[in-house]
């Protein structure tokens, strides 16, 4: 048991080390720009990645700042069960995310895909809709990145085929991104004006 635990820690540590720090910085920049513009962030994933998507939306919408201007307008597309299943029932199980995005998405918004395989049909369909509507995309991916690797603007890629390792690193990345965004927001004064938020967050990239 101890040996198994040590192997998991080793593999998770390797996974964290394999993520491109430059891609993390790009993701923070995209999310900061969305925050400055009061744009929205939509996160999507299946299974364990759906749980990560919900956790990420919670951290972005609540945990990164004290005021509405410091927080992001974020939601996970798997959290509205009625809407998700209505689209899947009427239009097929690959359309649950893409049809929601078709309704909700504006070009200045950001779509985040969380997928270990990078090949989930409903996630790929959502990314295609995001591309068609001109939104920026971020992928939290595993394995070889799958087809999603070349369909996102920024890839946070964990090159492991172990689902537990990839999902662990993905959740760590959620916290790392939230910490980075919180660090920017906490430089703002307690009485927040639009000008102060722009100063704290900085210009768009």
N, C-alpha and C. Protein backbone atom coordinates (compact mmCIF):
# COMPACT_ATOMS: atom_id res chain seq x y z
N UNK A 1 0.83 -1.21 0.00
CA UNK A 1 0.00 0.00 0.00
C UNK A 1 0.86 1.26 0.00
N UNK A 2 1.88 1.28 0.84
CA UNK A 2 2.75 2.45 0.90
C UNK A 2 3.47 2.64 -0.43
N UNK A 3 3.86 1.52 -1.06
CA UNK A 3 4.56 1.62 -2.34
C UNK A 3 3.63 2.20 -3.41
N UNK A 4 2.37 1.76 -3.43
CA UNK A 4 1.39 2.29 -4.38
C UNK A 4 1.20 3.79 -4.19
N UNK A 5 1.11 4.21 -2.94
CA UNK A 5 0.95 5.63 -2.62
C UNK A 5 2.16 6.43 -3.09
N UNK A 6 3.35 5.89 -2.86
CA UNK A 6 4.57 6.58 -3.29
C UNK A 6 4.63 6.70 -4.80
N UNK A 7 4.20 5.65 -5.51
CA UNK A 7 4.19 5.70 -6.97
C UNK A 7 3.22 6.77 -7.47
N UNK A 8 2.05 6.86 -6.82
CA UNK A 8 1.07 7.87 -7.22
C UNK A 8 1.63 9.27 -7.00
N UNK A 9 2.23 9.49 -5.84
CA UNK A 9 2.83 10.80 -5.57
C UNK A 9 3.90 11.15 -6.59
N UNK A 10 4.70 10.16 -6.95
CA UNK A 10 5.75 10.39 -7.94
C UNK A 10 5.15 10.77 -9.28
N UNK A 11 4.13 10.00 -9.70
CA UNK A 11 3.52 10.26 -11.01
C UNK A 11 2.79 11.60 -11.02
N UNK A 12 2.13 11.94 -9.91
CA UNK A 12 1.45 13.24 -9.84
C UNK A 12 2.45 14.38 -9.88
N UNK A 13 3.57 14.22 -9.18
CA UNK A 13 4.61 15.24 -9.20
C UNK A 13 5.17 15.42 -10.61
N UNK A 14 5.37 14.29 -11.30
CA UNK A 14 5.84 14.36 -12.69
C UNK A 14 4.82 15.07 -13.56
N UNK A 15 3.54 14.78 -13.32
CA UNK A 15 2.48 15.42 -14.10
C UNK A 15 2.45 16.92 -13.91
N UNK A 16 2.58 17.37 -12.66
CA UNK A 16 2.62 18.82 -12.41
C UNK A 16 3.82 19.45 -13.12
N UNK A 17 4.96 18.76 -13.07
CA UNK A 17 6.17 19.31 -13.68
C UNK A 17 6.12 19.36 -15.18
N UNK A 18 5.24 18.54 -15.79
CA UNK A 18 5.16 18.48 -17.25
C UNK A 18 4.29 19.58 -17.86
N UNK A 19 3.49 20.25 -17.03
CA UNK A 19 2.62 21.30 -17.55
C UNK A 19 3.46 22.53 -17.91
N UNK A 20 3.23 23.07 -19.07
CA UNK A 20 4.00 24.21 -19.57
C UNK A 20 3.66 25.48 -18.77
N UNK A 21 4.61 26.04 -18.03
CA UNK A 21 4.33 27.26 -17.26
C UNK A 21 3.88 28.42 -18.15
N UNK A 22 4.41 28.47 -19.37
CA UNK A 22 3.99 29.52 -20.29
C UNK A 22 2.52 29.42 -20.63
N UNK A 23 2.01 28.19 -20.77
CA UNK A 23 0.59 28.00 -21.04
C UNK A 23 -0.25 28.43 -19.85
N UNK A 24 0.23 28.16 -18.64
CA UNK A 24 -0.48 28.61 -17.44
C UNK A 24 -0.57 30.14 -17.43
N UNK A 25 0.51 30.80 -17.76
CA UNK A 25 0.50 32.27 -17.80
C UNK A 25 -0.47 32.78 -18.86
N UNK A 26 -0.52 32.10 -20.00
CA UNK A 26 -1.47 32.50 -21.04
C UNK A 26 -2.90 32.34 -20.56
N UNK A 27 -3.18 31.24 -19.86
CA UNK A 27 -4.53 31.02 -19.35
C UNK A 27 -4.92 32.10 -18.36
N UNK A 28 -4.00 32.47 -17.46
CA UNK A 28 -4.27 33.54 -16.50
C UNK A 28 -4.55 34.84 -17.24
N UNK A 29 -3.79 35.11 -18.28
CA UNK A 29 -3.98 36.34 -19.05
C UNK A 29 -5.35 36.37 -19.71
N UNK A 30 -5.77 35.25 -20.31
CA UNK A 30 -7.09 35.20 -20.93
C UNK A 30 -8.20 35.42 -19.90
N UNK A 31 -8.06 34.80 -18.74
CA UNK A 31 -9.09 34.94 -17.72
C UNK A 31 -9.09 36.34 -17.11
N UNK A 32 -7.92 36.94 -16.97
CA UNK A 32 -7.85 38.31 -16.49
C UNK A 32 -8.52 39.27 -17.45
N UNK A 33 -8.31 39.04 -18.74
CA UNK A 33 -8.95 39.89 -19.75
C UNK A 33 -10.46 39.73 -19.70
N UNK A 34 -10.93 38.49 -19.55
CA UNK A 34 -12.36 38.27 -19.42
C UNK A 34 -12.92 38.97 -18.19
N UNK A 35 -12.17 38.93 -17.10
CA UNK A 35 -12.61 39.59 -15.87
C UNK A 35 -12.69 41.10 -16.08
N UNK A 36 -11.69 41.68 -16.71
CA UNK A 36 -11.70 43.13 -16.93
C UNK A 36 -12.88 43.54 -17.79
N UNK A 37 -13.23 42.72 -18.76
CA UNK A 37 -14.33 43.02 -19.67
C UNK A 37 -15.70 42.63 -19.11
N UNK A 38 -15.73 41.98 -17.94
CA UNK A 38 -16.96 41.43 -17.37
C UNK A 38 -17.57 40.41 -18.32
N UNK A 39 -16.73 39.69 -19.04
CA UNK A 39 -17.18 38.61 -19.90
C UNK A 39 -17.46 37.37 -19.05
N UNK A 40 -17.95 36.33 -19.68
CA UNK A 40 -18.31 35.11 -18.97
C UNK A 40 -17.35 33.97 -19.30
N UNK A 41 -17.26 33.02 -18.36
CA UNK A 41 -16.43 31.84 -18.53
C UNK A 41 -17.31 30.61 -18.38
N UNK A 42 -17.28 29.74 -19.37
CA UNK A 42 -18.06 28.51 -19.34
C UNK A 42 -17.10 27.32 -19.30
N UNK A 43 -17.33 26.41 -18.34
CA UNK A 43 -16.45 25.26 -18.15
C UNK A 43 -17.24 23.99 -18.42
N UNK A 44 -16.62 23.04 -19.13
CA UNK A 44 -17.34 21.81 -19.48
C UNK A 44 -16.44 20.59 -19.32
N UNK A 45 -17.05 19.49 -18.89
CA UNK A 45 -16.33 18.23 -18.74
C UNK A 45 -17.30 17.13 -18.40
N UNK A 46 -16.86 15.88 -18.51
CA UNK A 46 -17.68 14.71 -18.23
C UNK A 46 -17.15 13.95 -17.02
N UNK A 47 -18.03 13.29 -16.29
CA UNK A 47 -17.59 12.42 -15.21
C UNK A 47 -16.80 13.17 -14.15
N UNK A 48 -15.62 12.63 -13.83
CA UNK A 48 -14.76 13.32 -12.87
C UNK A 48 -14.39 14.71 -13.34
N UNK A 49 -14.27 14.88 -14.65
CA UNK A 49 -13.95 16.21 -15.19
C UNK A 49 -15.12 17.17 -15.06
N UNK A 50 -16.35 16.65 -14.99
CA UNK A 50 -17.51 17.50 -14.71
C UNK A 50 -17.41 18.05 -13.30
N UNK A 51 -16.95 17.20 -12.37
CA UNK A 51 -16.76 17.67 -10.99
C UNK A 51 -15.67 18.74 -10.93
N UNK A 52 -14.60 18.54 -11.69
CA UNK A 52 -13.55 19.55 -11.76
C UNK A 52 -14.08 20.85 -12.36
N UNK A 53 -14.93 20.72 -13.39
CA UNK A 53 -15.52 21.91 -14.01
C UNK A 53 -16.37 22.68 -13.01
N UNK A 54 -17.16 21.96 -12.20
CA UNK A 54 -17.98 22.62 -11.18
C UNK A 54 -17.11 23.31 -10.14
N UNK A 55 -16.05 22.62 -9.72
CA UNK A 55 -15.13 23.19 -8.73
C UNK A 55 -14.47 24.46 -9.30
N UNK A 56 -14.08 24.40 -10.56
CA UNK A 56 -13.43 25.55 -11.18
C UNK A 56 -14.38 26.73 -11.28
N UNK A 57 -15.62 26.47 -11.71
CA UNK A 57 -16.59 27.55 -11.82
C UNK A 57 -16.84 28.19 -10.45
N UNK A 58 -16.91 27.37 -9.40
CA UNK A 58 -17.10 27.89 -8.05
C UNK A 58 -15.93 28.79 -7.64
N UNK A 59 -14.71 28.33 -7.88
CA UNK A 59 -13.54 29.12 -7.50
C UNK A 59 -13.48 30.44 -8.27
N UNK A 60 -13.80 30.40 -9.55
CA UNK A 60 -13.73 31.62 -10.37
C UNK A 60 -14.85 32.60 -10.02
N UNK A 61 -16.03 32.07 -9.71
CA UNK A 61 -17.19 32.93 -9.45
C UNK A 61 -17.23 33.44 -8.01
N UNK A 62 -16.54 32.76 -7.10
CA UNK A 62 -16.61 33.16 -5.70
C UNK A 62 -15.25 33.38 -5.05
N UNK A 63 -14.30 32.51 -5.34
CA UNK A 63 -13.10 32.44 -4.53
C UNK A 63 -11.94 33.34 -4.90
N UNK A 64 -12.07 34.11 -5.97
CA UNK A 64 -10.88 34.87 -6.42
C UNK A 64 -10.93 36.35 -6.08
N UNK A 65 -11.97 36.79 -5.38
CA UNK A 65 -12.02 38.22 -5.05
C UNK A 65 -13.14 38.56 -4.10
N UNK A 66 -13.06 39.76 -3.53
CA UNK A 66 -14.04 40.20 -2.55
C UNK A 66 -15.25 40.85 -3.20
N UNK A 67 -15.08 41.47 -4.36
CA UNK A 67 -16.15 42.25 -4.97
C UNK A 67 -16.53 41.65 -6.32
N UNK A 68 -17.65 42.09 -6.84
CA UNK A 68 -18.13 41.56 -8.11
C UNK A 68 -17.16 41.84 -9.24
N UNK A 69 -16.41 42.93 -9.16
CA UNK A 69 -15.45 43.26 -10.21
C UNK A 69 -14.19 42.41 -10.12
N UNK A 70 -13.95 41.82 -8.97
CA UNK A 70 -12.77 40.96 -8.81
C UNK A 70 -13.07 39.52 -9.18
N UNK A 71 -14.36 39.14 -9.11
CA UNK A 71 -14.74 37.76 -9.41
C UNK A 71 -15.10 37.62 -10.89
N UNK A 72 -15.09 36.38 -11.37
CA UNK A 72 -15.45 36.10 -12.76
C UNK A 72 -16.89 35.59 -12.84
N UNK A 73 -17.52 35.88 -13.94
CA UNK A 73 -18.88 35.42 -14.19
C UNK A 73 -18.78 34.03 -14.82
N UNK A 74 -18.64 33.01 -13.98
CA UNK A 74 -18.32 31.66 -14.43
C UNK A 74 -19.43 30.68 -14.09
N UNK A 75 -19.61 29.68 -14.97
CA UNK A 75 -20.55 28.60 -14.70
C UNK A 75 -20.08 27.34 -15.39
N UNK A 76 -20.44 26.19 -14.82
CA UNK A 76 -20.16 24.89 -15.42
C UNK A 76 -21.38 24.43 -16.21
N UNK A 77 -21.17 24.03 -17.44
CA UNK A 77 -22.30 23.67 -18.32
C UNK A 77 -22.97 22.36 -17.91
N UNK A 78 -22.31 21.57 -17.07
CA UNK A 78 -22.92 20.32 -16.60
C UNK A 78 -23.80 20.52 -15.38
N UNK A 79 -23.80 21.72 -14.80
CA UNK A 79 -24.52 21.94 -13.54
C UNK A 79 -26.02 22.15 -13.72
N UNK A 80 -26.45 22.63 -14.89
CA UNK A 80 -27.88 22.82 -15.15
C UNK A 80 -28.41 21.53 -15.77
N UNK A 81 -28.82 20.60 -14.92
CA UNK A 81 -29.21 19.27 -15.39
C UNK A 81 -30.39 19.32 -16.35
N UNK A 82 -31.37 20.17 -16.07
CA UNK A 82 -32.55 20.24 -16.93
C UNK A 82 -32.19 20.67 -18.34
N UNK A 83 -31.42 21.75 -18.45
CA UNK A 83 -31.04 22.24 -19.77
C UNK A 83 -30.14 21.26 -20.49
N UNK A 84 -29.16 20.70 -19.77
CA UNK A 84 -28.23 19.76 -20.38
C UNK A 84 -28.96 18.55 -20.94
N UNK A 85 -29.83 17.95 -20.14
CA UNK A 85 -30.50 16.73 -20.58
C UNK A 85 -31.57 17.01 -21.63
N UNK A 86 -32.17 18.19 -21.60
CA UNK A 86 -33.14 18.54 -22.64
C UNK A 86 -32.47 18.58 -24.01
N UNK A 87 -31.31 19.24 -24.08
CA UNK A 87 -30.59 19.29 -25.36
C UNK A 87 -30.13 17.90 -25.79
N UNK A 88 -29.64 17.11 -24.84
CA UNK A 88 -29.18 15.76 -25.17
C UNK A 88 -30.33 14.87 -25.63
N UNK A 89 -31.48 15.02 -25.00
CA UNK A 89 -32.63 14.21 -25.36
C UNK A 89 -33.14 14.54 -26.76
N UNK A 90 -33.16 15.82 -27.08
CA UNK A 90 -33.75 16.26 -28.35
C UNK A 90 -32.76 16.30 -29.50
N UNK A 91 -31.46 16.48 -29.20
CA UNK A 91 -30.49 16.69 -30.27
C UNK A 91 -29.31 15.72 -30.24
N UNK A 92 -29.29 14.77 -29.32
CA UNK A 92 -28.22 13.79 -29.28
C UNK A 92 -27.24 14.08 -28.16
N UNK A 93 -26.61 13.00 -27.67
CA UNK A 93 -25.79 13.14 -26.48
C UNK A 93 -24.46 13.85 -26.72
N UNK A 94 -24.17 14.21 -27.96
CA UNK A 94 -22.95 15.00 -28.21
C UNK A 94 -23.23 16.50 -28.22
N UNK A 95 -24.49 16.89 -28.05
CA UNK A 95 -24.86 18.30 -28.25
C UNK A 95 -25.17 19.05 -26.96
N UNK A 96 -25.02 18.40 -25.82
CA UNK A 96 -25.42 19.04 -24.57
C UNK A 96 -24.67 20.31 -24.24
N UNK A 97 -23.37 20.34 -24.54
CA UNK A 97 -22.56 21.53 -24.27
C UNK A 97 -22.66 22.53 -25.43
N UNK A 98 -22.57 22.04 -26.65
CA UNK A 98 -22.51 22.94 -27.80
C UNK A 98 -23.79 23.75 -27.96
N UNK A 99 -24.94 23.13 -27.69
CA UNK A 99 -26.21 23.85 -27.83
C UNK A 99 -26.36 24.90 -26.74
N UNK A 100 -25.88 24.61 -25.54
CA UNK A 100 -25.90 25.64 -24.49
C UNK A 100 -25.01 26.82 -24.89
N UNK A 101 -23.84 26.51 -25.41
CA UNK A 101 -22.93 27.59 -25.83
C UNK A 101 -23.51 28.39 -26.98
N UNK A 102 -24.21 27.72 -27.88
CA UNK A 102 -24.83 28.42 -29.00
C UNK A 102 -25.83 29.46 -28.50
N UNK A 103 -26.48 29.18 -27.39
CA UNK A 103 -27.44 30.11 -26.79
C UNK A 103 -26.75 31.22 -25.99
N UNK A 104 -25.71 30.86 -25.24
CA UNK A 104 -25.16 31.74 -24.22
C UNK A 104 -23.94 32.56 -24.66
N UNK A 105 -23.17 32.06 -25.59
CA UNK A 105 -21.81 32.55 -25.79
C UNK A 105 -21.74 33.85 -26.57
N UNK A 106 -20.88 34.76 -26.08
CA UNK A 106 -20.49 35.98 -26.80
C UNK A 106 -19.02 35.87 -27.18
N UNK A 107 -18.58 36.60 -28.20
CA UNK A 107 -17.20 36.45 -28.68
C UNK A 107 -16.13 36.77 -27.65
N UNK A 108 -16.40 37.63 -26.68
CA UNK A 108 -15.39 37.99 -25.68
C UNK A 108 -15.32 36.99 -24.54
N UNK A 109 -16.20 35.98 -24.53
CA UNK A 109 -16.22 35.00 -23.47
C UNK A 109 -15.08 33.98 -23.63
N UNK A 110 -14.92 33.15 -22.59
CA UNK A 110 -13.90 32.10 -22.58
C UNK A 110 -14.58 30.77 -22.31
N UNK A 111 -14.20 29.74 -23.06
CA UNK A 111 -14.71 28.39 -22.84
C UNK A 111 -13.53 27.51 -22.39
N UNK A 112 -13.73 26.80 -21.28
CA UNK A 112 -12.70 25.91 -20.74
C UNK A 112 -13.19 24.48 -20.85
N UNK A 113 -12.40 23.64 -21.52
CA UNK A 113 -12.71 22.22 -21.67
C UNK A 113 -11.81 21.42 -20.74
N UNK A 114 -12.42 20.53 -19.95
CA UNK A 114 -11.67 19.66 -19.05
C UNK A 114 -11.89 18.23 -19.54
N UNK A 115 -10.82 17.56 -19.99
CA UNK A 115 -10.97 16.22 -20.55
C UNK A 115 -9.66 15.46 -20.44
N UNK A 116 -9.69 14.30 -19.81
CA UNK A 116 -8.47 13.49 -19.70
C UNK A 116 -8.06 12.98 -21.07
N UNK A 117 -9.02 12.48 -21.83
CA UNK A 117 -8.70 11.90 -23.14
C UNK A 117 -8.52 12.96 -24.22
N UNK A 118 -9.22 14.08 -24.08
CA UNK A 118 -9.23 15.09 -25.14
C UNK A 118 -10.04 14.68 -26.35
N UNK A 119 -10.80 13.59 -26.23
CA UNK A 119 -11.55 13.07 -27.37
C UNK A 119 -13.04 12.93 -27.11
N UNK A 120 -13.54 13.47 -26.01
CA UNK A 120 -14.97 13.35 -25.70
C UNK A 120 -15.78 14.09 -26.77
N UNK A 121 -16.71 13.40 -27.45
CA UNK A 121 -17.44 14.04 -28.56
C UNK A 121 -18.19 15.29 -28.15
N UNK A 122 -18.80 15.29 -26.96
CA UNK A 122 -19.57 16.48 -26.56
C UNK A 122 -18.65 17.66 -26.23
N UNK A 123 -17.47 17.37 -25.70
CA UNK A 123 -16.50 18.43 -25.43
C UNK A 123 -15.96 18.99 -26.74
N UNK A 124 -15.63 18.11 -27.69
CA UNK A 124 -15.14 18.56 -28.99
C UNK A 124 -16.20 19.40 -29.71
N UNK A 125 -17.46 18.99 -29.61
CA UNK A 125 -18.53 19.76 -30.24
C UNK A 125 -18.65 21.13 -29.59
N UNK A 126 -18.49 21.19 -28.27
CA UNK A 126 -18.52 22.48 -27.58
C UNK A 126 -17.39 23.38 -28.02
N UNK A 127 -16.19 22.82 -28.19
CA UNK A 127 -15.05 23.61 -28.66
C UNK A 127 -15.28 24.11 -30.08
N UNK A 128 -15.91 23.30 -30.91
CA UNK A 128 -16.19 23.72 -32.27
C UNK A 128 -17.17 24.90 -32.28
N UNK A 129 -18.19 24.85 -31.43
CA UNK A 129 -19.12 25.97 -31.33
C UNK A 129 -18.42 27.23 -30.83
N UNK A 130 -17.54 27.06 -29.85
CA UNK A 130 -16.78 28.21 -29.35
C UNK A 130 -15.95 28.83 -30.45
N UNK A 131 -15.30 27.99 -31.27
CA UNK A 131 -14.50 28.51 -32.38
C UNK A 131 -15.38 29.26 -33.38
N UNK A 132 -16.52 28.68 -33.71
CA UNK A 132 -17.41 29.31 -34.68
C UNK A 132 -17.91 30.67 -34.20
N UNK A 133 -18.09 30.81 -32.89
CA UNK A 133 -18.62 32.06 -32.34
C UNK A 133 -17.53 33.03 -31.89
N UNK A 134 -16.27 32.64 -32.07
CA UNK A 134 -15.16 33.57 -31.85
C UNK A 134 -14.69 33.69 -30.42
N UNK A 135 -15.05 32.74 -29.54
CA UNK A 135 -14.63 32.81 -28.15
C UNK A 135 -13.25 32.18 -27.97
N UNK A 136 -12.51 32.63 -26.99
CA UNK A 136 -11.22 32.03 -26.65
C UNK A 136 -11.46 30.71 -25.91
N UNK A 137 -10.51 29.78 -26.05
CA UNK A 137 -10.67 28.46 -25.44
C UNK A 137 -9.40 28.04 -24.70
N UNK A 138 -9.62 27.36 -23.57
CA UNK A 138 -8.55 26.79 -22.76
C UNK A 138 -8.88 25.32 -22.55
N UNK A 139 -7.87 24.46 -22.65
CA UNK A 139 -8.09 23.05 -22.41
C UNK A 139 -7.25 22.54 -21.25
N UNK A 140 -7.89 21.87 -20.29
CA UNK A 140 -7.18 21.09 -19.27
C UNK A 140 -7.25 19.65 -19.76
N UNK A 141 -6.15 19.14 -20.28
CA UNK A 141 -6.15 17.89 -21.02
C UNK A 141 -5.17 16.90 -20.43
N UNK A 142 -5.35 15.61 -20.77
CA UNK A 142 -4.44 14.56 -20.36
C UNK A 142 -4.05 13.69 -21.54
N UNK A 143 -3.54 12.50 -21.25
CA UNK A 143 -3.08 11.53 -22.24
C UNK A 143 -2.19 12.22 -23.28
N UNK A 144 -2.48 12.04 -24.57
CA UNK A 144 -1.70 12.73 -25.60
C UNK A 144 -2.37 14.03 -26.03
N UNK A 145 -3.38 14.43 -25.28
CA UNK A 145 -4.11 15.67 -25.61
C UNK A 145 -5.32 15.44 -26.47
N UNK A 146 -5.33 14.30 -27.19
CA UNK A 146 -6.45 13.98 -28.06
C UNK A 146 -6.67 15.03 -29.14
N UNK A 147 -7.84 14.97 -29.72
CA UNK A 147 -8.17 15.94 -30.78
C UNK A 147 -8.36 17.35 -30.23
N UNK A 148 -8.64 17.45 -28.92
CA UNK A 148 -8.84 18.77 -28.32
C UNK A 148 -7.54 19.57 -28.27
N UNK A 149 -6.40 18.89 -28.27
CA UNK A 149 -5.12 19.58 -28.10
C UNK A 149 -4.92 20.68 -29.14
N UNK A 150 -5.35 20.43 -30.36
CA UNK A 150 -5.17 21.41 -31.44
C UNK A 150 -6.45 22.19 -31.73
N UNK A 151 -7.42 22.08 -30.82
CA UNK A 151 -8.67 22.83 -30.99
C UNK A 151 -8.85 23.87 -29.88
N UNK A 152 -7.85 24.05 -29.05
CA UNK A 152 -7.91 25.07 -28.01
C UNK A 152 -6.82 26.11 -28.24
N UNK A 153 -7.07 27.31 -27.77
CA UNK A 153 -6.07 28.37 -27.90
C UNK A 153 -4.92 28.16 -26.92
N UNK A 154 -5.24 27.66 -25.73
CA UNK A 154 -4.23 27.42 -24.70
C UNK A 154 -4.46 26.02 -24.13
N UNK A 155 -3.43 25.18 -24.16
CA UNK A 155 -3.54 23.81 -23.66
C UNK A 155 -2.72 23.64 -22.39
N UNK A 156 -3.38 23.30 -21.29
CA UNK A 156 -2.72 22.90 -20.05
C UNK A 156 -2.72 21.38 -20.06
N UNK A 157 -1.65 20.81 -20.58
CA UNK A 157 -1.61 19.39 -20.95
C UNK A 157 -0.80 18.59 -19.94
N UNK A 158 -1.42 17.55 -19.39
CA UNK A 158 -0.76 16.62 -18.46
C UNK A 158 -0.53 15.32 -19.22
N UNK A 159 0.68 15.04 -19.68
CA UNK A 159 0.92 13.88 -20.55
C UNK A 159 0.99 12.57 -19.78
N UNK A 160 -0.16 12.15 -19.27
CA UNK A 160 -0.26 10.89 -18.53
C UNK A 160 -1.55 10.20 -18.95
N UNK A 161 -1.52 8.86 -18.97
CA UNK A 161 -2.72 8.09 -19.28
C UNK A 161 -3.41 7.58 -18.02
N UNK A 162 -2.91 7.97 -16.85
CA UNK A 162 -3.50 7.58 -15.58
C UNK A 162 -4.56 8.62 -15.21
N UNK A 163 -5.83 8.22 -15.22
CA UNK A 163 -6.91 9.17 -14.98
C UNK A 163 -6.78 9.85 -13.62
N UNK A 164 -6.41 9.07 -12.60
CA UNK A 164 -6.27 9.65 -11.27
C UNK A 164 -5.20 10.72 -11.21
N UNK A 165 -4.07 10.46 -11.87
CA UNK A 165 -2.98 11.44 -11.91
C UNK A 165 -3.43 12.70 -12.65
N UNK A 166 -4.03 12.52 -13.82
CA UNK A 166 -4.44 13.68 -14.62
C UNK A 166 -5.48 14.51 -13.88
N UNK A 167 -6.48 13.85 -13.29
CA UNK A 167 -7.52 14.59 -12.60
C UNK A 167 -6.97 15.30 -11.36
N UNK A 168 -5.99 14.69 -10.71
CA UNK A 168 -5.35 15.35 -9.56
C UNK A 168 -4.61 16.60 -10.00
N UNK A 169 -3.87 16.51 -11.08
CA UNK A 169 -3.13 17.67 -11.58
C UNK A 169 -4.09 18.74 -12.08
N UNK A 170 -5.17 18.32 -12.75
CA UNK A 170 -6.16 19.29 -13.22
C UNK A 170 -6.73 20.10 -12.05
N UNK A 171 -7.07 19.42 -10.96
CA UNK A 171 -7.61 20.16 -9.81
C UNK A 171 -6.54 21.09 -9.22
N UNK A 172 -5.29 20.63 -9.22
CA UNK A 172 -4.21 21.51 -8.77
C UNK A 172 -4.09 22.74 -9.66
N UNK A 173 -4.27 22.55 -10.96
CA UNK A 173 -4.22 23.69 -11.89
C UNK A 173 -5.36 24.65 -11.62
N UNK A 174 -6.54 24.12 -11.30
CA UNK A 174 -7.67 24.99 -10.94
C UNK A 174 -7.28 25.90 -9.78
N UNK A 175 -6.65 25.32 -8.76
CA UNK A 175 -6.25 26.13 -7.61
C UNK A 175 -5.12 27.09 -7.96
N UNK A 176 -4.20 26.65 -8.80
CA UNK A 176 -3.10 27.53 -9.20
C UNK A 176 -3.62 28.74 -9.98
N UNK A 177 -4.55 28.51 -10.90
CA UNK A 177 -5.13 29.61 -11.66
C UNK A 177 -5.90 30.55 -10.73
N UNK A 178 -6.67 29.98 -9.81
CA UNK A 178 -7.42 30.82 -8.87
C UNK A 178 -6.48 31.65 -8.01
N UNK A 179 -5.39 31.05 -7.55
CA UNK A 179 -4.42 31.80 -6.74
C UNK A 179 -3.82 32.95 -7.52
N UNK A 180 -3.48 32.70 -8.78
CA UNK A 180 -2.90 33.75 -9.61
C UNK A 180 -3.89 34.88 -9.81
N UNK A 181 -5.14 34.55 -10.10
CA UNK A 181 -6.16 35.57 -10.30
C UNK A 181 -6.46 36.32 -9.01
N UNK A 182 -6.46 35.60 -7.90
CA UNK A 182 -6.70 36.24 -6.60
C UNK A 182 -5.57 37.21 -6.28
N UNK A 183 -4.36 36.84 -6.62
CA UNK A 183 -3.22 37.71 -6.38
C UNK A 183 -3.33 39.03 -7.11
N UNK A 184 -3.84 39.00 -8.33
CA UNK A 184 -4.08 40.24 -9.06
C UNK A 184 -5.18 41.05 -8.39
N UNK A 185 -6.29 40.37 -8.03
CA UNK A 185 -7.45 41.09 -7.51
C UNK A 185 -7.15 41.73 -6.17
N UNK A 186 -6.36 41.09 -5.32
CA UNK A 186 -6.14 41.60 -3.98
C UNK A 186 -5.24 42.83 -3.95
N UNK A 187 -4.71 43.23 -5.11
CA UNK A 187 -3.96 44.48 -5.16
C UNK A 187 -4.89 45.68 -5.29
N UNK A 188 -6.19 45.41 -5.52
CA UNK A 188 -7.15 46.49 -5.68
C UNK A 188 -7.52 47.07 -4.32
N UNK A 189 -7.84 48.37 -4.26
CA UNK A 189 -8.26 48.96 -3.00
C UNK A 189 -9.61 48.40 -2.55
N UNK A 190 -9.93 48.55 -1.26
CA UNK A 190 -11.17 47.98 -0.73
C UNK A 190 -12.39 48.65 -1.33
N UNK A 191 -12.32 49.95 -1.61
CA UNK A 191 -13.39 50.64 -2.32
C UNK A 191 -13.06 50.57 -3.80
N UNK A 192 -13.80 49.76 -4.54
CA UNK A 192 -13.42 49.43 -5.90
C UNK A 192 -14.19 50.29 -6.89
N UNK A 193 -13.47 50.91 -7.79
CA UNK A 193 -14.06 51.60 -8.92
C UNK A 193 -13.61 50.89 -10.18
N UNK A 194 -14.26 51.20 -11.29
CA UNK A 194 -13.86 50.58 -12.55
C UNK A 194 -12.41 50.89 -12.87
N UNK A 195 -11.98 52.15 -12.61
CA UNK A 195 -10.61 52.54 -12.88
C UNK A 195 -9.63 51.77 -12.00
N UNK A 196 -10.01 51.55 -10.74
CA UNK A 196 -9.13 50.82 -9.82
C UNK A 196 -9.00 49.37 -10.25
N UNK A 197 -10.09 48.77 -10.73
CA UNK A 197 -10.02 47.38 -11.19
C UNK A 197 -9.11 47.28 -12.40
N UNK A 198 -9.23 48.19 -13.34
CA UNK A 198 -8.34 48.19 -14.50
C UNK A 198 -6.89 48.30 -14.07
N UNK A 199 -6.61 49.14 -13.09
CA UNK A 199 -5.25 49.31 -12.61
C UNK A 199 -4.73 48.03 -11.94
N UNK A 200 -5.61 47.37 -11.16
CA UNK A 200 -5.19 46.17 -10.44
C UNK A 200 -4.95 45.01 -11.37
N UNK A 201 -5.82 44.87 -12.37
CA UNK A 201 -5.75 43.72 -13.27
C UNK A 201 -4.76 43.96 -14.39
N UNK A 202 -4.66 45.19 -14.82
CA UNK A 202 -3.74 45.50 -15.90
C UNK A 202 -4.42 45.49 -17.25
N UNK A 203 -3.73 45.94 -18.29
CA UNK A 203 -4.30 45.99 -19.63
C UNK A 203 -4.44 44.60 -20.20
N UNK A 204 -5.31 44.42 -21.20
CA UNK A 204 -5.41 43.11 -21.85
C UNK A 204 -4.11 42.80 -22.59
N UNK A 205 -3.84 41.50 -22.81
CA UNK A 205 -2.58 41.14 -23.49
C UNK A 205 -2.57 41.59 -24.93
